[in-house]
Amino acid sequence: MAIEAAAWRMEQAQRGRAWLAWHIAALTRAKRLPRFQQLVGVHDAKPLEGDELAERRREFEEMTQAWEGR
């Protein structure tokens, strides 16, 4: 599992570098730079309600108990 996790991290890092290189090249050709917030996609988080909120609270409680029981 450790080797698979390391390979996954390396793949994600490579994808991130490819994304960065593509965007740098694209921005050098742009006549006008987009606003930073538009470029990075800053969005407000939607509030959770009902079953989804209860599920997230349950997951958080499980993680907390697992952390404390380690």
PDB file of N, CA and C in Angstrom:
ATOM      1  N   MET A   1       0.812  -1.185   0.000  1.00  0.00           N
ATOM      2  CA  MET A   1       0.000   0.000   0.000  1.00  0.00           C
ATOM      3  C   MET A   1       0.859   1.253   0.000  1.00  0.00           C
ATOM      4  N   ALA A   2       2.003   1.189   0.691  1.00  0.00           N
ATOM      5  CA  ALA A   2       2.878   2.357   0.757  1.00  0.00           C
ATOM      6  C   ALA A   2       3.425   2.700  -0.630  1.00  0.00           C
ATOM      7  N   ILE A   3       3.786   1.681  -1.398  1.00  0.00           N
ATOM      8  CA  ILE A   3       4.312   1.919  -2.743  1.00  0.00           C
ATOM      9  C   ILE A   3       3.216   2.471  -3.648  1.00  0.00           C
ATOM     10  N   GLU A   4       2.010   1.928  -3.536  1.00  0.00           N
ATOM     11  CA  GLU A   4       0.888   2.437  -4.337  1.00  0.00           C
ATOM     12  C   GLU A   4       0.583   3.887  -3.976  1.00  0.00           C
ATOM     13  N   ALA A   5       0.637   4.208  -2.685  1.00  0.00           N
ATOM     14  CA  ALA A   5       0.380   5.583  -2.243  1.00  0.00           C
ATOM     15  C   ALA A   5       1.455   6.525  -2.765  1.00  0.00           C
ATOM     16  N   ALA A   6       2.710   6.093  -2.731  1.00  0.00           N
ATOM     17  CA  ALA A   6       3.796   6.928  -3.238  1.00  0.00           C
ATOM     18  C   ALA A   6       3.650   7.145  -4.737  1.00  0.00           C
ATOM     19  N   ALA A   7       3.285   6.092  -5.457  1.00  0.00           N
ATOM     20  CA  ALA A   7       3.082   6.229  -6.906  1.00  0.00           C
ATOM     21  C   ALA A   7       1.931   7.188  -7.199  1.00  0.00           C
ATOM     22  N   TRP A   8       0.858   7.099  -6.408  1.00  0.00           N
ATOM     23  CA  TRP A   8      -0.286   8.000  -6.588  1.00  0.00           C
ATOM     24  C   TRP A   8       0.128   9.445  -6.335  1.00  0.00           C
ATOM     25  N   ARG A   9       0.905   9.671  -5.271  1.00  0.00           N
ATOM     26  CA  ARG A   9       1.372  11.035  -4.977  1.00  0.00           C
ATOM     27  C   ARG A   9       2.237  11.574  -6.097  1.00  0.00           C
ATOM     28  N   MET A  10       3.115  10.738  -6.634  1.00  0.00           N
ATOM     29  CA  MET A  10       3.977  11.172  -7.737  1.00  0.00           C
ATOM     30  C   MET A  10       3.148  11.506  -8.970  1.00  0.00           C
ATOM     31  N   GLU A  11       2.135  10.695  -9.261  1.00  0.00           N
ATOM     32  CA  GLU A  11       1.268  10.951 -10.405  1.00  0.00           C
ATOM     33  C   GLU A  11       0.502  12.259 -10.215  1.00  0.00           C
ATOM     34  N   GLN A  12      -0.003  12.493  -9.005  1.00  0.00           N
ATOM     35  CA  GLN A  12      -0.728  13.733  -8.734  1.00  0.00           C
ATOM     36  C   GLN A  12       0.189  14.944  -8.859  1.00  0.00           C
ATOM     37  N   ALA A  13       1.416  14.828  -8.388  1.00  0.00           N
ATOM     38  CA  ALA A  13       2.381  15.917  -8.511  1.00  0.00           C
ATOM     39  C   ALA A  13       2.673  16.199  -9.986  1.00  0.00           C
ATOM     40  N   GLN A  14       2.839  15.148 -10.777  1.00  0.00           N
ATOM     41  CA  GLN A  14       3.098  15.321 -12.207  1.00  0.00           C
ATOM     42  C   GLN A  14       1.920  15.993 -12.898  1.00  0.00           C
ATOM     43  N   ARG A  15       0.711  15.566 -12.551  1.00  0.00           N
ATOM     44  CA  ARG A  15      -0.486  16.202 -13.125  1.00  0.00           C
ATOM     45  C   ARG A  15      -0.539  17.682 -12.754  1.00  0.00           C
ATOM     46  N   GLY A  16      -0.185  17.992 -11.523  1.00  0.00           N
ATOM     47  CA  GLY A  16      -0.173  19.383 -11.079  1.00  0.00           C
ATOM     48  C   GLY A  16       0.836  20.208 -11.854  1.00  0.00           C
ATOM     49  N   ARG A  17       2.013  19.646 -12.094  1.00  0.00           N
ATOM     50  CA  ARG A  17       3.026  20.369 -12.875  1.00  0.00           C
ATOM     51  C   ARG A  17       2.586  20.555 -14.323  1.00  0.00           C
ATOM     52  N   ALA A  18       1.927  19.547 -14.902  1.00  0.00           N
ATOM     53  CA  ALA A  18       1.420  19.672 -16.271  1.00  0.00           C
ATOM     54  C   ALA A  18       0.337  20.743 -16.340  1.00  0.00           C
ATOM     55  N   TRP A  19      -0.551  20.768 -15.350  1.00  0.00           N
ATOM     56  CA  TRP A  19      -1.603  21.788 -15.288  1.00  0.00           C
ATOM     57  C   TRP A  19      -0.976  23.175 -15.226  1.00  0.00           C
ATOM     58  N   LEU A  20       0.035  23.319 -14.372  1.00  0.00           N
ATOM     59  CA  LEU A  20       0.709  24.606 -14.217  1.00  0.00           C
ATOM     60  C   LEU A  20       1.387  25.038 -15.510  1.00  0.00           C
ATOM     61  N   ALA A  21       2.106  24.136 -16.158  1.00  0.00           N
ATOM     62  CA  ALA A  21       2.793  24.478 -17.413  1.00  0.00           C
ATOM     63  C   ALA A  21       1.795  24.885 -18.493  1.00  0.00           C
ATOM     64  N   TRP A  22       0.689  24.158 -18.597  1.00  0.00           N
ATOM     65  CA  TRP A  22      -0.321  24.486 -19.599  1.00  0.00           C
ATOM     66  C   TRP A  22      -0.888  25.875 -19.355  1.00  0.00           C
ATOM     67  N   HIS A  23      -1.216  26.165 -18.105  1.00  0.00           N
ATOM     68  CA  HIS A  23      -1.812  27.460 -17.793  1.00  0.00           C
ATOM     69  C   HIS A  23      -0.821  28.610 -17.971  1.00  0.00           C
ATOM     70  N   ILE A  24       0.424  28.401 -17.639  1.00  0.00           N
ATOM     71  CA  ILE A  24       1.427  29.441 -17.868  1.00  0.00           C
ATOM     72  C   ILE A  24       1.525  29.740 -19.354  1.00  0.00           C
ATOM     73  N   ALA A  25       1.588  28.692 -20.172  1.00  0.00           N
ATOM     74  CA  ALA A  25       1.669  28.895 -21.621  1.00  0.00           C
ATOM     75  C   ALA A  25       0.422  29.599 -22.136  1.00  0.00           C
ATOM     76  N   ALA A  26      -0.746  29.207 -21.653  1.00  0.00           N
ATOM     77  CA  ALA A  26      -1.993  29.828 -22.106  1.00  0.00           C
ATOM     78  C   ALA A  26      -2.045  31.301 -21.688  1.00  0.00           C
ATOM     79  N   LEU A  27      -1.615  31.599 -20.481  1.00  0.00           N
ATOM     80  CA  LEU A  27      -1.681  32.980 -19.996  1.00  0.00           C
ATOM     81  C   LEU A  27      -0.694  33.892 -20.725  1.00  0.00           C
ATOM     82  N   THR A  28       0.408  33.332 -21.203  1.00  0.00           N
ATOM     83  CA  THR A  28       1.351  34.172 -21.949  1.00  0.00           C
ATOM     84  C   THR A  28       0.759  34.618 -23.280  1.00  0.00           C
ATOM     85  N   ARG A  29      -0.232  33.878 -23.796  1.00  0.00           N
ATOM     86  CA  ARG A  29      -0.872  34.238 -25.057  1.00  0.00           C
ATOM     87  C   ARG A  29      -2.120  35.096 -24.864  1.00  0.00           C
ATOM     88  N   ALA A  30      -2.553  35.259 -23.628  1.00  0.00           N
ATOM     89  CA  ALA A  30      -3.789  36.000 -23.358  1.00  0.00           C
ATOM     90  C   ALA A  30      -3.571  37.497 -23.545  1.00  0.00           C
ATOM     91  N   LYS A  31      -4.556  38.165 -24.126  1.00  0.00           N
ATOM     92  CA  LYS A  31      -4.474  39.617 -24.282  1.00  0.00           C
ATOM     93  C   LYS A  31      -4.721  40.317 -22.957  1.00  0.00           C
ATOM     94  N   ARG A  32      -5.625  39.738 -22.161  1.00  0.00           N
ATOM     95  CA  ARG A  32      -5.907  40.288 -20.834  1.00  0.00           C
ATOM     96  C   ARG A  32      -5.917  39.140 -19.834  1.00  0.00           C
ATOM     97  N   LEU A  33      -5.322  39.371 -18.686  1.00  0.00           N
ATOM     98  CA  LEU A  33      -5.332  38.345 -17.654  1.00  0.00           C
ATOM     99  C   LEU A  33      -6.694  38.322 -16.961  1.00  0.00           C
ATOM    100  N   PRO A  34      -7.217  37.147 -16.670  1.00  0.00           N
ATOM    101  CA  PRO A  34      -8.471  37.071 -15.916  1.00  0.00           C
ATOM    102  C   PRO A  34      -8.220  37.483 -14.467  1.00  0.00           C
ATOM    103  N   ARG A  35      -9.296  37.834 -13.776  1.00  0.00           N
ATOM    104  CA  ARG A  35      -9.165  38.135 -12.353  1.00  0.00           C
ATOM    105  C   ARG A  35      -8.640  36.894 -11.640  1.00  0.00           C
ATOM    106  N   PHE A  36      -7.876  37.100 -10.593  1.00  0.00           N
ATOM    107  CA  PHE A  36      -7.274  35.984  -9.871  1.00  0.00           C
ATOM    108  C   PHE A  36      -8.334  35.030  -9.336  1.00  0.00           C
ATOM    109  N   GLN A  37      -9.411  35.587  -8.750  1.00  0.00           N
ATOM    110  CA  GLN A  37     -10.461  34.743  -8.190  1.00  0.00           C
ATOM    111  C   GLN A  37     -11.087  33.870  -9.274  1.00  0.00           C
ATOM    112  N   GLN A  38     -11.246  34.417 -10.463  1.00  0.00           N
ATOM    113  CA  GLN A  38     -11.806  33.641 -11.572  1.00  0.00           C
ATOM    114  C   GLN A  38     -10.824  32.552 -12.004  1.00  0.00           C
ATOM    115  N   LEU A  39      -9.557  32.876 -12.008  1.00  0.00           N
ATOM    116  CA  LEU A  39      -8.532  31.933 -12.444  1.00  0.00           C
ATOM    117  C   LEU A  39      -8.429  30.730 -11.508  1.00  0.00           C
ATOM    118  N   VAL A  40      -8.443  30.972 -10.211  1.00  0.00           N
ATOM    119  CA  VAL A  40      -8.272  29.874  -9.266  1.00  0.00           C
ATOM    120  C   VAL A  40      -9.586  29.232  -8.857  1.00  0.00           C
ATOM    121  N   GLY A  41     -10.694  29.810  -9.264  1.00  0.00           N
ATOM    122  CA  GLY A  41     -11.989  29.202  -9.000  1.00  0.00           C
ATOM    123  C   GLY A  41     -12.402  29.252  -7.546  1.00  0.00           C
ATOM    124  N   VAL A  42     -12.249  30.399  -6.914  1.00  0.00           N
ATOM    125  CA  VAL A  42     -12.653  30.553  -5.521  1.00  0.00           C
ATOM    126  C   VAL A  42     -14.180  30.593  -5.456  1.00  0.00           C
ATOM    127  N   HIS A  43     -14.743  29.663  -4.714  1.00  0.00           N
ATOM    128  CA  HIS A  43     -16.194  29.590  -4.558  1.00  0.00           C
ATOM    129  C   HIS A  43     -16.526  29.430  -3.085  1.00  0.00           C
ATOM    130  N   ASP A  44     -17.637  29.985  -2.687  1.00  0.00           N
ATOM    131  CA  ASP A  44     -18.113  29.786  -1.323  1.00  0.00           C
ATOM    132  C   ASP A  44     -18.622  28.354  -1.185  1.00  0.00           C
ATOM    133  N   ALA A  45     -18.371  27.775  -0.037  1.00  0.00           N
ATOM    134  CA  ALA A  45     -18.859  26.422   0.224  1.00  0.00           C
ATOM    135  C   ALA A  45     -20.364  26.467   0.430  1.00  0.00           C
ATOM    136  N   LYS A  46     -21.043  25.467  -0.102  1.00  0.00           N
ATOM    137  CA  LYS A  46     -22.494  25.431   0.097  1.00  0.00           C
ATOM    138  C   LYS A  46     -22.782  24.866   1.482  1.00  0.00           C
ATOM    139  N   PRO A  47     -23.751  25.434   2.154  1.00  0.00           N
ATOM    140  CA  PRO A  47     -24.090  24.906   3.480  1.00  0.00           C
ATOM    141  C   PRO A  47     -24.727  23.527   3.368  1.00  0.00           C
ATOM    142  N   LEU A  48     -24.360  22.655   4.280  1.00  0.00           N
ATOM    143  CA  LEU A  48     -24.927  21.308   4.293  1.00  0.00           C
ATOM    144  C   LEU A  48     -26.231  21.311   5.074  1.00  0.00           C
ATOM    145  N   GLU A  49     -27.138  20.457   4.653  1.00  0.00           N
ATOM    146  CA  GLU A  49     -28.426  20.359   5.326  1.00  0.00           C
ATOM    147  C   GLU A  49     -28.871  18.903   5.378  1.00  0.00           C
ATOM    148  N   GLY A  50     -29.763  18.620   6.297  1.00  0.00           N
ATOM    149  CA  GLY A  50     -30.436  17.332   6.361  1.00  0.00           C
ATOM    150  C   GLY A  50     -29.520  16.133   6.472  1.00  0.00           C
ATOM    151  N   ASP A  51     -29.774  15.147   5.623  1.00  0.00           N
ATOM    152  CA  ASP A  51     -29.037  13.880   5.661  1.00  0.00           C
ATOM    153  C   ASP A  51     -27.554  14.071   5.386  1.00  0.00           C
ATOM    154  N   GLU A  52     -27.234  14.969   4.468  1.00  0.00           N
ATOM    155  CA  GLU A  52     -25.827  15.196   4.136  1.00  0.00           C
ATOM    156  C   GLU A  52     -25.072  15.755   5.338  1.00  0.00           C
ATOM    157  N   LEU A  53     -25.674  16.680   6.065  1.00  0.00           N
ATOM    158  CA  LEU A  53     -25.065  17.242   7.270  1.00  0.00           C
ATOM    159  C   LEU A  53     -24.882  16.158   8.328  1.00  0.00           C
ATOM    160  N   ALA A  54     -25.888  15.343   8.534  1.00  0.00           N
ATOM    161  CA  ALA A  54     -25.801  14.263   9.514  1.00  0.00           C
ATOM    162  C   ALA A  54     -24.703  13.273   9.144  1.00  0.00           C
ATOM    163  N   GLU A  55     -24.582  12.967   7.855  1.00  0.00           N
ATOM    164  CA  GLU A  55     -23.538  12.033   7.388  1.00  0.00           C
ATOM    165  C   GLU A  55     -22.147  12.604   7.643  1.00  0.00           C
ATOM    166  N   ARG A  56     -21.941  13.872   7.359  1.00  0.00           N
ATOM    167  CA  ARG A  56     -20.622  14.488   7.587  1.00  0.00           C
ATOM    168  C   ARG A  56     -20.283  14.528   9.070  1.00  0.00           C
ATOM    169  N   ARG A  57     -21.282  14.803   9.906  1.00  0.00           N
ATOM    170  CA  ARG A  57     -21.040  14.811  11.356  1.00  0.00           C
ATOM    171  C   ARG A  57     -20.671  13.410  11.840  1.00  0.00           C
ATOM    172  N   ARG A  58     -21.361  12.393  11.313  1.00  0.00           N
ATOM    173  CA  ARG A  58     -21.052  11.015  11.693  1.00  0.00           C
ATOM    174  C   ARG A  58     -19.633  10.646  11.263  1.00  0.00           C
ATOM    175  N   GLU A  59     -19.254  11.022  10.047  1.00  0.00           N
ATOM    176  CA  GLU A  59     -17.904  10.745   9.561  1.00  0.00           C
ATOM    177  C   GLU A  59     -16.860  11.442  10.424  1.00  0.00           C
ATOM    178  N   PHE A  60     -17.142  12.693  10.800  1.00  0.00           N
ATOM    179  CA  PHE A  60     -16.210  13.433  11.638  1.00  0.00           C
ATOM    180  C   PHE A  60     -16.057  12.749  12.990  1.00  0.00           C
ATOM    181  N   GLU A  61     -17.154  12.321  13.557  1.00  0.00           N
ATOM    182  CA  GLU A  61     -17.114  11.636  14.857  1.00  0.00           C
ATOM    183  C   GLU A  61     -16.305  10.341  14.756  1.00  0.00           C
ATOM    184  N   GLU A  62     -16.486   9.580  13.679  1.00  0.00           N
ATOM    185  CA  GLU A  62     -15.703   8.351  13.482  1.00  0.00           C
ATOM    186  C   GLU A  62     -14.215   8.655  13.373  1.00  0.00           C
ATOM    187  N   MET A  63     -13.870   9.692  12.611  1.00  0.00           N
ATOM    188  CA  MET A  63     -12.454  10.055  12.481  1.00  0.00           C
ATOM    189  C   MET A  63     -11.862  10.506  13.814  1.00  0.00           C
ATOM    190  N   THR A  64     -12.654  11.263  14.577  1.00  0.00           N
ATOM    191  CA  THR A  64     -12.183  11.729  15.867  1.00  0.00           C
ATOM    192  C   THR A  64     -11.930  10.554  16.809  1.00  0.00           C
ATOM    193  N   GLN A  65     -12.854   9.612  16.841  1.00  0.00           N
ATOM    194  CA  GLN A  65     -12.695   8.442  17.709  1.00  0.00           C
ATOM    195  C   GLN A  65     -11.501   7.601  17.269  1.00  0.00           C
ATOM    196  N   ALA A  66     -11.318   7.452  15.961  1.00  0.00           N
ATOM    197  CA  ALA A  66     -10.170   6.684  15.465  1.00  0.00           C
ATOM    198  C   ALA A  66      -8.866   7.372  15.836  1.00  0.00           C
ATOM    199  N   TRP A  67      -8.844   8.681  15.766  1.00  0.00           N
ATOM    200  CA  TRP A  67      -7.626   9.439  16.092  1.00  0.00           C
ATOM    201  C   TRP A  67      -7.313   9.306  17.580  1.00  0.00           C
ATOM    202  N   GLU A  68      -8.331   9.426  18.401  1.00  0.00           N
ATOM    203  CA  GLU A  68      -8.120   9.330  19.837  1.00  0.00           C
ATOM    204  C   GLU A  68      -7.758   7.911  20.271  1.00  0.00           C
ATOM    205  N   GLY A  69      -8.208   6.912  19.535  1.00  0.00           N
ATOM    206  CA  GLY A  69      -7.943   5.526  19.892  1.00  0.00           C
ATOM    207  C   GLY A  69      -6.659   4.963  19.319  1.00  0.00           C
ATOM    208  N   ARG A  70      -5.906   5.760  18.619  1.00  0.00           N
ATOM    209  CA  ARG A  70      -4.686   5.233  17.974  1.00  0.00           C
ATOM    210  C   ARG A  70      -3.621   4.842  18.932  1.00  0.00           C
TER     211      ARG A  70
END
